[in-house]
Amino acid sequence: MALAQIGIWRPAPGRYEDFIKVSNQARKICQRLGAQVRIWQVEVGSNAGTVTVAIQHADGAAYGQFVDKINGDGEWQQLVASFLKNPPAETVQSSLLRELP
């Protein structure tokens, strides 16, 4: 069954473009490591104005391999360290979803 890591982020005031730039850098890294990534702008509802990042994996094994790869990836570590110095967004919600049959 497919798995998806979902992160909902609220960009800091005036930092939307900064966050999108970082999200696109993260997408490239994740895709290089074997995941599918989609970035969504929430238009309507209680989370309007937030950005949802969905990282998809074919199954649990693919997810495990991805986690092992990303934890040891120097480019990812540099991106995270840069993000944490001056975060352009805050996490609203984080989930790991499993597709139902």
Foldseek 3Di string as FASTA:
>chain_A
DKKKKKWKKAFDVPLVVVVVVLLVLVQVVLVVQPWHKDKDAACDDPSHRIIMIITMAPDPVRVVSSVVVLVPDPSNVVSVVVCVVPPRIDTPDIDMDDDDD
